[in-house]
């Protein structure tokens, strides 16, 4: 298991976010975020009417915007389903 996977698995506080947990973890790593509950409250859009986008994270101070379509599989796969990329394309449009 790679180091990031071990670190992710140790974050039991993120399990309540299901498939979006890995996306939140990636945001924390990339942007040095500590309070992921607040980030989740502000950024998670996942739901029946999410318009194919699970996370929208905006940091106006740093000029960053992240749109994410999250997918997590408990089975080893070589890639995510092809529709995930087209879903993200739909979200950006």
PDB file of N, CA and C in Angstrom:
ATOM      1  N   UNK A   1       0.847  -1.174   0.000  1.00  0.00           N
ATOM      2  CA  UNK A   1       0.000   0.000   0.000  1.00  0.00           C
ATOM      3  C   UNK A   1       0.896   1.241   0.000  1.00  0.00           C
ATOM      4  N   UNK A   2       0.535   2.232  -0.813  1.00  0.00           N
ATOM      5  CA  UNK A   2       1.320   3.454  -0.897  1.00  0.00           C
ATOM      6  C   UNK A   2       1.072   4.342   0.318  1.00  0.00           C
ATOM      7  N   UNK A   3       1.995   5.245   0.563  1.00  0.00           N
ATOM      8  CA  UNK A   3       1.918   6.120   1.729  1.00  0.00           C
ATOM      9  C   UNK A   3       0.633   6.933   1.766  1.00  0.00           C
ATOM     10  N   UNK A   4       0.204   7.487   0.605  1.00  0.00           N
ATOM     11  CA  UNK A   4      -1.007   8.299   0.608  1.00  0.00           C
ATOM     12  C   UNK A   4      -2.222   7.435   0.948  1.00  0.00           C
ATOM     13  N   UNK A   5      -2.207   6.172   0.516  1.00  0.00           N
ATOM     14  CA  UNK A   5      -3.328   5.282   0.822  1.00  0.00           C
ATOM     15  C   UNK A   5      -3.395   4.988   2.314  1.00  0.00           C
ATOM     16  N   UNK A   6      -2.254   4.804   2.930  1.00  0.00           N
ATOM     17  CA  UNK A   6      -2.217   4.580   4.376  1.00  0.00           C
ATOM     18  C   UNK A   6      -2.726   5.818   5.117  1.00  0.00           C
ATOM     19  N   UNK A   7      -2.284   6.987   4.662  1.00  0.00           N
ATOM     20  CA  UNK A   7      -2.736   8.227   5.295  1.00  0.00           C
ATOM     21  C   UNK A   7      -4.239   8.402   5.122  1.00  0.00           C
ATOM     22  N   UNK A   8      -4.758   8.093   3.928  1.00  0.00           N
ATOM     23  CA  UNK A   8      -6.195   8.205   3.678  1.00  0.00           C
ATOM     24  C   UNK A   8      -6.977   7.229   4.550  1.00  0.00           C
ATOM     25  N   UNK A   9      -6.521   5.996   4.622  1.00  0.00           N
ATOM     26  CA  UNK A   9      -7.209   4.985   5.429  1.00  0.00           C
ATOM     27  C   UNK A   9      -7.231   5.354   6.912  1.00  0.00           C
ATOM     28  N   UNK A  10      -6.240   6.105   7.359  1.00  0.00           N
ATOM     29  CA  UNK A  10      -6.192   6.486   8.774  1.00  0.00           C
ATOM     30  C   UNK A  10      -7.157   7.632   9.099  1.00  0.00           C
ATOM     31  N   UNK A  11      -7.701   8.300   8.091  1.00  0.00           N
ATOM     32  CA  UNK A  11      -8.613   9.433   8.293  1.00  0.00           C
ATOM     33  C   UNK A  11     -10.043   8.932   8.474  1.00  0.00           C
ATOM     34  N   UNK A  12     -10.327   8.352   9.624  1.00  0.00           N
ATOM     35  CA  UNK A  12     -11.665   7.824   9.895  1.00  0.00           C
ATOM     36  C   UNK A  12     -12.716   8.924   9.950  1.00  0.00           C
ATOM     37  N   UNK A  13     -12.285  10.178  10.154  1.00  0.00           N
ATOM     38  CA  UNK A  13     -13.227  11.291  10.183  1.00  0.00           C
ATOM     39  C   UNK A  13     -13.852  11.553   8.820  1.00  0.00           C
ATOM     40  N   UNK A  14     -13.252  11.029   7.757  1.00  0.00           N
ATOM     41  CA  UNK A  14     -13.768  11.267   6.407  1.00  0.00           C
ATOM     42  C   UNK A  14     -14.727  10.183   5.925  1.00  0.00           C
ATOM     43  N   UNK A  15     -14.859   9.092   6.650  1.00  0.00           N
ATOM     44  CA  UNK A  15     -15.689   7.978   6.174  1.00  0.00           C
ATOM     45  C   UNK A  15     -17.143   8.383   5.963  1.00  0.00           C
ATOM     46  N   UNK A  16     -17.626   9.344   6.729  1.00  0.00           N
ATOM     47  CA  UNK A  16     -19.028   9.763   6.580  1.00  0.00           C
ATOM     48  C   UNK A  16     -19.307  10.425   5.230  1.00  0.00           C
ATOM     49  N   UNK A  17     -18.251  10.802   4.506  1.00  0.00           N
ATOM     50  CA  UNK A  17     -18.421  11.454   3.208  1.00  0.00           C
ATOM     51  C   UNK A  17     -18.411  10.472   2.043  1.00  0.00           C
ATOM     52  N   UNK A  18     -18.358   9.182   2.341  1.00  0.00           N
ATOM     53  CA  UNK A  18     -18.480   8.137   1.315  1.00  0.00           C
ATOM     54  C   UNK A  18     -17.512   8.323   0.163  1.00  0.00           C
ATOM     55  N   UNK A  19     -18.045   8.264  -1.071  1.00  0.00           N
ATOM     56  CA  UNK A  19     -17.214   8.394  -2.269  1.00  0.00           C
ATOM     57  C   UNK A  19     -16.503   9.737  -2.349  1.00  0.00           C
ATOM     58  N   UNK A  20     -16.988  10.725  -1.655  1.00  0.00           N
ATOM     59  CA  UNK A  20     -16.382  12.054  -1.695  1.00  0.00           C
ATOM     60  C   UNK A  20     -15.212  12.204  -0.724  1.00  0.00           C
ATOM     61  N   UNK A  21     -15.004  11.216   0.140  1.00  0.00           N
ATOM     62  CA  UNK A  21     -13.928  11.297   1.133  1.00  0.00           C
ATOM     63  C   UNK A  21     -12.564  11.453   0.479  1.00  0.00           C
ATOM     64  N   UNK A  22     -12.306  10.708  -0.571  1.00  0.00           N
ATOM     65  CA  UNK A  22     -10.999  10.793  -1.229  1.00  0.00           C
ATOM     66  C   UNK A  22     -10.809  12.156  -1.895  1.00  0.00           C
ATOM     67  N   UNK A  23     -11.861  12.715  -2.450  1.00  0.00           N
ATOM     68  CA  UNK A  23     -11.781  14.053  -3.029  1.00  0.00           C
ATOM     69  C   UNK A  23     -11.450  15.101  -1.982  1.00  0.00           C
ATOM     70  N   UNK A  24     -12.088  15.002  -0.818  1.00  0.00           N
ATOM     71  CA  UNK A  24     -11.788  15.928   0.277  1.00  0.00           C
ATOM     72  C   UNK A  24     -10.356  15.750   0.772  1.00  0.00           C
ATOM     73  N   UNK A  25      -9.920  14.506   0.856  1.00  0.00           N
ATOM     74  CA  UNK A  25      -8.552  14.213   1.278  1.00  0.00           C
ATOM     75  C   UNK A  25      -7.551  14.823   0.295  1.00  0.00           C
ATOM     76  N   UNK A  26      -7.825  14.697  -0.992  1.00  0.00           N
ATOM     77  CA  UNK A  26      -6.949  15.282  -2.015  1.00  0.00           C
ATOM     78  C   UNK A  26      -6.899  16.802  -1.893  1.00  0.00           C
ATOM     79  N   UNK A  27      -8.044  17.428  -1.638  1.00  0.00           N
ATOM     80  CA  UNK A  27      -8.057  18.881  -1.420  1.00  0.00           C
ATOM     81  C   UNK A  27      -7.187  19.258  -0.220  1.00  0.00           C
ATOM     82  N   UNK A  28      -7.305  18.484   0.849  1.00  0.00           N
ATOM     83  CA  UNK A  28      -6.520  18.765   2.052  1.00  0.00           C
ATOM     84  C   UNK A  28      -5.033  18.674   1.763  1.00  0.00           C
ATOM     85  N   UNK A  29      -4.635  17.648   1.015  1.00  0.00           N
ATOM     86  CA  UNK A  29      -3.220  17.495   0.682  1.00  0.00           C
ATOM     87  C   UNK A  29      -2.726  18.622  -0.216  1.00  0.00           C
ATOM     88  N   UNK A  30      -3.480  18.941  -1.234  1.00  0.00           N
ATOM     89  CA  UNK A  30      -3.042  19.933  -2.222  1.00  0.00           C
ATOM     90  C   UNK A  30      -3.013  21.354  -1.673  1.00  0.00           C
ATOM     91  N   UNK A  31      -4.030  21.695  -0.868  1.00  0.00           N
ATOM     92  CA  UNK A  31      -4.166  23.080  -0.414  1.00  0.00           C
ATOM     93  C   UNK A  31      -3.870  23.277   1.073  1.00  0.00           C
ATOM     94  N   UNK A  32      -3.454  22.217   1.768  1.00  0.00           N
ATOM     95  CA  UNK A  32      -3.115  22.338   3.184  1.00  0.00           C
ATOM     96  C   UNK A  32      -4.302  22.671   4.061  1.00  0.00           C
ATOM     97  N   UNK A  33      -5.440  22.082   3.772  1.00  0.00           N
ATOM     98  CA  UNK A  33      -6.673  22.368   4.516  1.00  0.00           C
ATOM     99  C   UNK A  33      -6.748  21.520   5.774  1.00  0.00           C
ATOM    100  N   UNK A  34      -7.171  22.124   6.866  1.00  0.00           N
ATOM    101  CA  UNK A  34      -7.292  21.411   8.141  1.00  0.00           C
ATOM    102  C   UNK A  34      -8.734  21.064   8.490  1.00  0.00           C
ATOM    103  N   UNK A  35      -9.634  22.001   8.310  1.00  0.00           N
ATOM    104  CA  UNK A  35     -11.029  21.826   8.723  1.00  0.00           C
ATOM    105  C   UNK A  35     -11.861  21.282   7.560  1.00  0.00           C
ATOM    106  N   UNK A  36     -11.784  19.979   7.334  1.00  0.00           N
ATOM    107  CA  UNK A  36     -12.479  19.396   6.193  1.00  0.00           C
ATOM    108  C   UNK A  36     -13.987  19.321   6.382  1.00  0.00           C
ATOM    109  N   UNK A  37     -14.458  19.387   7.600  1.00  0.00           N
ATOM    110  CA  UNK A  37     -15.911  19.423   7.807  1.00  0.00           C
ATOM    111  C   UNK A  37     -16.492  20.724   7.258  1.00  0.00           C
ATOM    112  N   UNK A  38     -15.806  21.830   7.479  1.00  0.00           N
ATOM    113  CA  UNK A  38     -16.256  23.114   6.935  1.00  0.00           C
ATOM    114  C   UNK A  38     -16.122  23.134   5.422  1.00  0.00           C
ATOM    115  N   UNK A  39     -15.008  22.617   4.923  1.00  0.00           N
ATOM    116  CA  UNK A  39     -14.811  22.534   3.472  1.00  0.00           C
ATOM    117  C   UNK A  39     -15.927  21.690   2.859  1.00  0.00           C
ATOM    118  N   UNK A  40     -16.249  20.563   3.478  1.00  0.00           N
ATOM    119  CA  UNK A  40     -17.318  19.690   2.971  1.00  0.00           C
ATOM    120  C   UNK A  40     -18.655  20.420   2.970  1.00  0.00           C
ATOM    121  N   UNK A  41     -18.947  21.137   4.042  1.00  0.00           N
ATOM    122  CA  UNK A  41     -20.223  21.859   4.125  1.00  0.00           C
ATOM    123  C   UNK A  41     -20.342  22.901   3.024  1.00  0.00           C
ATOM    124  N   UNK A  42     -19.224  23.529   2.697  1.00  0.00           N
ATOM    125  CA  UNK A  42     -19.228  24.587   1.683  1.00  0.00           C
ATOM    126  C   UNK A  42     -19.065  24.066   0.262  1.00  0.00           C
ATOM    127  N   UNK A  43     -18.436  22.913   0.089  1.00  0.00           N
ATOM    128  CA  UNK A  43     -18.006  22.484  -1.238  1.00  0.00           C
ATOM    129  C   UNK A  43     -18.694  21.251  -1.811  1.00  0.00           C
ATOM    130  N   UNK A  44     -19.235  20.386  -0.973  1.00  0.00           N
ATOM    131  CA  UNK A  44     -19.874  19.175  -1.506  1.00  0.00           C
ATOM    132  C   UNK A  44     -21.197  19.513  -2.167  1.00  0.00           C
ATOM    133  N   UNK A  45     -21.362  19.051  -3.380  1.00  0.00           N
ATOM    134  CA  UNK A  45     -22.587  19.288  -4.130  1.00  0.00           C
ATOM    135  C   UNK A  45     -23.259  17.972  -4.505  1.00  0.00           C
ATOM    136  N   UNK A  46     -22.653  16.860  -4.096  1.00  0.00           N
ATOM    137  CA  UNK A  46     -23.127  15.536  -4.464  1.00  0.00           C
ATOM    138  C   UNK A  46     -24.571  15.328  -4.016  1.00  0.00           C
ATOM    139  N   UNK A  47     -25.369  14.789  -4.907  1.00  0.00           N
ATOM    140  CA  UNK A  47     -26.762  14.512  -4.600  1.00  0.00           C
ATOM    141  C   UNK A  47     -27.514  14.219  -5.883  1.00  0.00           C
ATOM    142  N   UNK A  48     -28.798  14.049  -5.784  1.00  0.00           N
ATOM    143  CA  UNK A  48     -29.593  13.665  -6.951  1.00  0.00           C
ATOM    144  C   UNK A  48     -29.646  14.757  -8.022  1.00  0.00           C
ATOM    145  N   UNK A  49     -29.384  15.992  -7.640  1.00  0.00           N
ATOM    146  CA  UNK A  49     -29.428  17.097  -8.600  1.00  0.00           C
ATOM    147  C   UNK A  49     -28.084  17.835  -8.634  1.00  0.00           C
ATOM    148  N   UNK A  50     -26.971  17.072  -8.608  1.00  0.00           N
ATOM    149  CA  UNK A  50     -25.642  17.689  -8.506  1.00  0.00           C
ATOM    150  C   UNK A  50     -25.062  18.148  -9.834  1.00  0.00           C
ATOM    151  N   UNK A  51     -25.786  17.957 -10.920  1.00  0.00           N
ATOM    152  CA  UNK A  51     -25.341  18.382 -12.251  1.00  0.00           C
ATOM    153  C   UNK A  51     -23.981  17.799 -12.606  1.00  0.00           C
ATOM    154  N   UNK A  52     -23.730  16.559 -12.144  1.00  0.00           N
ATOM    155  CA  UNK A  52     -22.526  15.791 -12.475  1.00  0.00           C
ATOM    156  C   UNK A  52     -21.253  16.321 -11.825  1.00  0.00           C
ATOM    157  N   UNK A  53     -21.386  17.088 -10.761  1.00  0.00           N
ATOM    158  CA  UNK A  53     -20.227  17.629 -10.063  1.00  0.00           C
ATOM    159  C   UNK A  53     -20.397  17.339  -8.571  1.00  0.00           C
ATOM    160  N   UNK A  54     -19.396  16.702  -7.966  1.00  0.00           N
ATOM    161  CA  UNK A  54     -19.504  16.318  -6.560  1.00  0.00           C
ATOM    162  C   UNK A  54     -18.879  17.327  -5.606  1.00  0.00           C
ATOM    163  N   UNK A  55     -17.821  18.015  -6.061  1.00  0.00           N
ATOM    164  CA  UNK A  55     -17.143  19.004  -5.227  1.00  0.00           C
ATOM    165  C   UNK A  55     -16.859  20.252  -6.059  1.00  0.00           C
ATOM    166  N   UNK A  56     -17.200  21.389  -5.498  1.00  0.00           N
ATOM    167  CA  UNK A  56     -16.784  22.681  -6.061  1.00  0.00           C
ATOM    168  C   UNK A  56     -16.087  23.424  -4.933  1.00  0.00           C
ATOM    169  N   UNK A  57     -14.780  23.548  -5.050  1.00  0.00           N
ATOM    170  CA  UNK A  57     -13.976  24.234  -4.037  1.00  0.00           C
ATOM    171  C   UNK A  57     -13.393  25.495  -4.654  1.00  0.00           C
ATOM    172  N   UNK A  58     -13.642  26.626  -4.026  1.00  0.00           N
ATOM    173  CA  UNK A  58     -13.132  27.903  -4.534  1.00  0.00           C
ATOM    174  C   UNK A  58     -12.378  28.610  -3.415  1.00  0.00           C
ATOM    175  N   UNK A  59     -11.143  29.016  -3.726  1.00  0.00           N
ATOM    176  CA  UNK A  59     -10.338  29.814  -2.811  1.00  0.00           C
ATOM    177  C   UNK A  59     -10.043  31.132  -3.515  1.00  0.00           C
ATOM    178  N   UNK A  60     -10.891  32.145  -3.290  1.00  0.00           N
ATOM    179  CA  UNK A  60     -10.714  33.411  -4.004  1.00  0.00           C
ATOM    180  C   UNK A  60      -9.422  34.134  -3.633  1.00  0.00           C
ATOM    181  N   UNK A  61      -8.943  33.935  -2.407  1.00  0.00           N
ATOM    182  CA  UNK A  61      -7.713  34.598  -1.985  1.00  0.00           C
ATOM    183  C   UNK A  61      -6.508  34.108  -2.783  1.00  0.00           C
ATOM    184  N   UNK A  62      -6.476  32.826  -3.071  1.00  0.00           N
ATOM    185  CA  UNK A  62      -5.361  32.234  -3.815  1.00  0.00           C
ATOM    186  C   UNK A  62      -5.653  32.121  -5.310  1.00  0.00           C
ATOM    187  N   UNK A  63      -6.914  32.352  -5.693  1.00  0.00           N
ATOM    188  CA  UNK A  63      -7.285  32.270  -7.102  1.00  0.00           C
ATOM    189  C   UNK A  63      -7.397  30.847  -7.626  1.00  0.00           C
ATOM    190  N   UNK A  64      -7.846  29.919  -6.780  1.00  0.00           N
ATOM    191  CA  UNK A  64      -8.001  28.525  -7.169  1.00  0.00           C
ATOM    192  C   UNK A  64      -9.475  28.135  -7.204  1.00  0.00           C
ATOM    193  N   UNK A  65      -9.821  27.340  -8.197  1.00  0.00           N
ATOM    194  CA  UNK A  65     -11.150  26.730  -8.263  1.00  0.00           C
ATOM    195  C   UNK A  65     -10.958  25.270  -8.657  1.00  0.00           C
ATOM    196  N   UNK A  66     -11.640  24.377  -7.951  1.00  0.00           N
ATOM    197  CA  UNK A  66     -11.552  22.945  -8.220  1.00  0.00           C
ATOM    198  C   UNK A  66     -12.960  22.406  -8.431  1.00  0.00           C
ATOM    199  N   UNK A  67     -13.181  21.748  -9.552  1.00  0.00           N
ATOM    200  CA  UNK A  67     -14.414  21.005  -9.824  1.00  0.00           C
ATOM    201  C   UNK A  67     -14.036  19.541  -9.830  1.00  0.00           C
ATOM    202  N   UNK A  68     -14.752  18.728  -9.083  1.00  0.00           N
ATOM    203  CA  UNK A  68     -14.381  17.318  -8.981  1.00  0.00           C
ATOM    204  C   UNK A  68     -15.586  16.407  -9.132  1.00  0.00           C
ATOM    205  N   UNK A  69     -15.373  15.341  -9.849  1.00  0.00           N
ATOM    206  CA  UNK A  69     -16.318  14.230  -9.939  1.00  0.00           C
ATOM    207  C   UNK A  69     -15.628  13.089  -9.210  1.00  0.00           C
ATOM    208  N   UNK A  70     -16.159  12.682  -8.070  1.00  0.00           N
ATOM    209  CA  UNK A  70     -15.493  11.701  -7.222  1.00  0.00           C
ATOM    210  C   UNK A  70     -15.940  10.276  -7.541  1.00  0.00           C
ATOM    211  N   UNK A  71     -14.984   9.374  -7.418  1.00  0.00           N
ATOM    212  CA  UNK A  71     -15.265   7.956  -7.600  1.00  0.00           C
ATOM    213  C   UNK A  71     -14.265   7.184  -6.758  1.00  0.00           C
ATOM    214  N   UNK A  72     -14.754   6.245  -5.974  1.00  0.00           N
ATOM    215  CA  UNK A  72     -13.885   5.409  -5.156  1.00  0.00           C
ATOM    216  C   UNK A  72     -14.390   3.983  -5.242  1.00  0.00           C
ATOM    217  N   UNK A  73     -13.488   3.081  -5.581  1.00  0.00           N
ATOM    218  CA  UNK A  73     -13.844   1.668  -5.673  1.00  0.00           C
ATOM    219  C   UNK A  73     -13.055   0.889  -4.635  1.00  0.00           C
ATOM    220  N   UNK A  74     -13.696  -0.050  -3.998  1.00  0.00           N
ATOM    221  CA  UNK A  74     -12.998  -0.897  -3.041  1.00  0.00           C
ATOM    222  C   UNK A  74     -12.272  -2.035  -3.746  1.00  0.00           C
ATOM    223  N   UNK A  75     -12.540  -2.219  -5.030  1.00  0.00           N
ATOM    224  CA  UNK A  75     -11.844  -3.227  -5.830  1.00  0.00           C
ATOM    225  C   UNK A  75     -10.727  -2.565  -6.629  1.00  0.00           C
ATOM    226  N   UNK A  76      -9.671  -3.300  -6.886  1.00  0.00           N
ATOM    227  CA  UNK A  76      -8.581  -2.783  -7.705  1.00  0.00           C
ATOM    228  C   UNK A  76      -9.051  -2.683  -9.148  1.00  0.00           C
ATOM    229  N   UNK A  77      -8.882  -1.507  -9.723  1.00  0.00           N
ATOM    230  CA  UNK A  77      -9.274  -1.254 -11.117  1.00  0.00           C
ATOM    231  C   UNK A  77      -8.149  -0.493 -11.791  1.00  0.00           C
ATOM    232  N   UNK A  78      -8.046  -0.641 -13.093  1.00  0.00           N
ATOM    233  CA  UNK A  78      -7.014   0.095 -13.817  1.00  0.00           C
ATOM    234  C   UNK A  78      -7.426   1.542 -14.059  1.00  0.00           C
ATOM    235  N   UNK A  79      -8.731   1.815 -14.033  1.00  0.00           N
ATOM    236  CA  UNK A  79      -9.221   3.180 -14.227  1.00  0.00           C
ATOM    237  C   UNK A  79     -10.668   3.274 -13.751  1.00  0.00           C
ATOM    238  N   UNK A  80     -11.128   4.497 -13.627  1.00  0.00           N
ATOM    239  CA  UNK A  80     -12.533   4.729 -13.273  1.00  0.00           C
ATOM    240  C   UNK A  80     -13.397   4.484 -14.507  1.00  0.00           C
ATOM    241  N   UNK A  81     -14.691   4.275 -14.314  1.00  0.00           N
ATOM    242  CA  UNK A  81     -15.577   4.109 -15.472  1.00  0.00           C
ATOM    243  C   UNK A  81     -15.489   5.320 -16.402  1.00  0.00           C
ATOM    244  N   UNK A  82     -15.575   5.081 -17.678  1.00  0.00           N
ATOM    245  CA  UNK A  82     -15.436   6.138 -18.680  1.00  0.00           C
ATOM    246  C   UNK A  82     -16.458   7.257 -18.492  1.00  0.00           C
ATOM    247  N   UNK A  83     -17.627   6.935 -17.992  1.00  0.00           N
ATOM    248  CA  UNK A  83     -18.648   7.974 -17.839  1.00  0.00           C
ATOM    249  C   UNK A  83     -18.267   9.024 -16.799  1.00  0.00           C
ATOM    250  N   UNK A  84     -17.309   8.742 -15.925  1.00  0.00           N
ATOM    251  CA  UNK A  84     -16.899   9.731 -14.924  1.00  0.00           C
ATOM    252  C   UNK A  84     -16.235  10.926 -15.590  1.00  0.00           C
ATOM    253  N   UNK A  85     -15.433  10.686 -16.618  1.00  0.00           N
ATOM    254  CA  UNK A  85     -14.807  11.793 -17.352  1.00  0.00           C
ATOM    255  C   UNK A  85     -15.861  12.593 -18.109  1.00  0.00           C
ATOM    256  N   UNK A  86     -16.817  11.907 -18.727  1.00  0.00           N
ATOM    257  CA  UNK A  86     -17.864  12.635 -19.455  1.00  0.00           C
ATOM    258  C   UNK A  86     -18.777  13.385 -18.478  1.00  0.00           C
ATOM    259  N   UNK A  87     -18.984  12.823 -17.286  1.00  0.00           N
ATOM    260  CA  UNK A  87     -19.760  13.526 -16.251  1.00  0.00           C
ATOM    261  C   UNK A  87     -19.080  14.828 -15.869  1.00  0.00           C
ATOM    262  N   UNK A  88     -17.750  14.786 -15.686  1.00  0.00           N
ATOM    263  CA  UNK A  88     -17.028  15.994 -15.327  1.00  0.00           C
ATOM    264  C   UNK A  88     -17.059  17.013 -16.461  1.00  0.00           C
ATOM    265  N   UNK A  89     -16.982  16.542 -17.680  1.00  0.00           N
ATOM    266  CA  UNK A  89     -17.099  17.434 -18.836  1.00  0.00           C
ATOM    267  C   UNK A  89     -18.463  18.123 -18.820  1.00  0.00           C
ATOM    268  N   UNK A  90     -19.509  17.379 -18.513  1.00  0.00           N
ATOM    269  CA  UNK A  90     -20.854  17.960 -18.407  1.00  0.00           C
ATOM    270  C   UNK A  90     -20.900  19.013 -17.301  1.00  0.00           C
ATOM    271  N   UNK A  91     -20.264  18.721 -16.160  1.00  0.00           N
ATOM    272  CA  UNK A  91     -20.252  19.663 -15.038  1.00  0.00           C
ATOM    273  C   UNK A  91     -19.548  20.964 -15.411  1.00  0.00           C
ATOM    274  N   UNK A  92     -18.452  20.876 -16.127  1.00  0.00           N
ATOM    275  CA  UNK A  92     -17.704  22.070 -16.518  1.00  0.00           C
ATOM    276  C   UNK A  92     -18.528  22.898 -17.498  1.00  0.00           C
ATOM    277  N   UNK A  93     -19.219  22.218 -18.404  1.00  0.00           N
ATOM    278  CA  UNK A  93     -20.050  22.920 -19.388  1.00  0.00           C
ATOM    279  C   UNK A  93     -21.187  23.641 -18.695  1.00  0.00           C
TER     280      UNK A  93
END
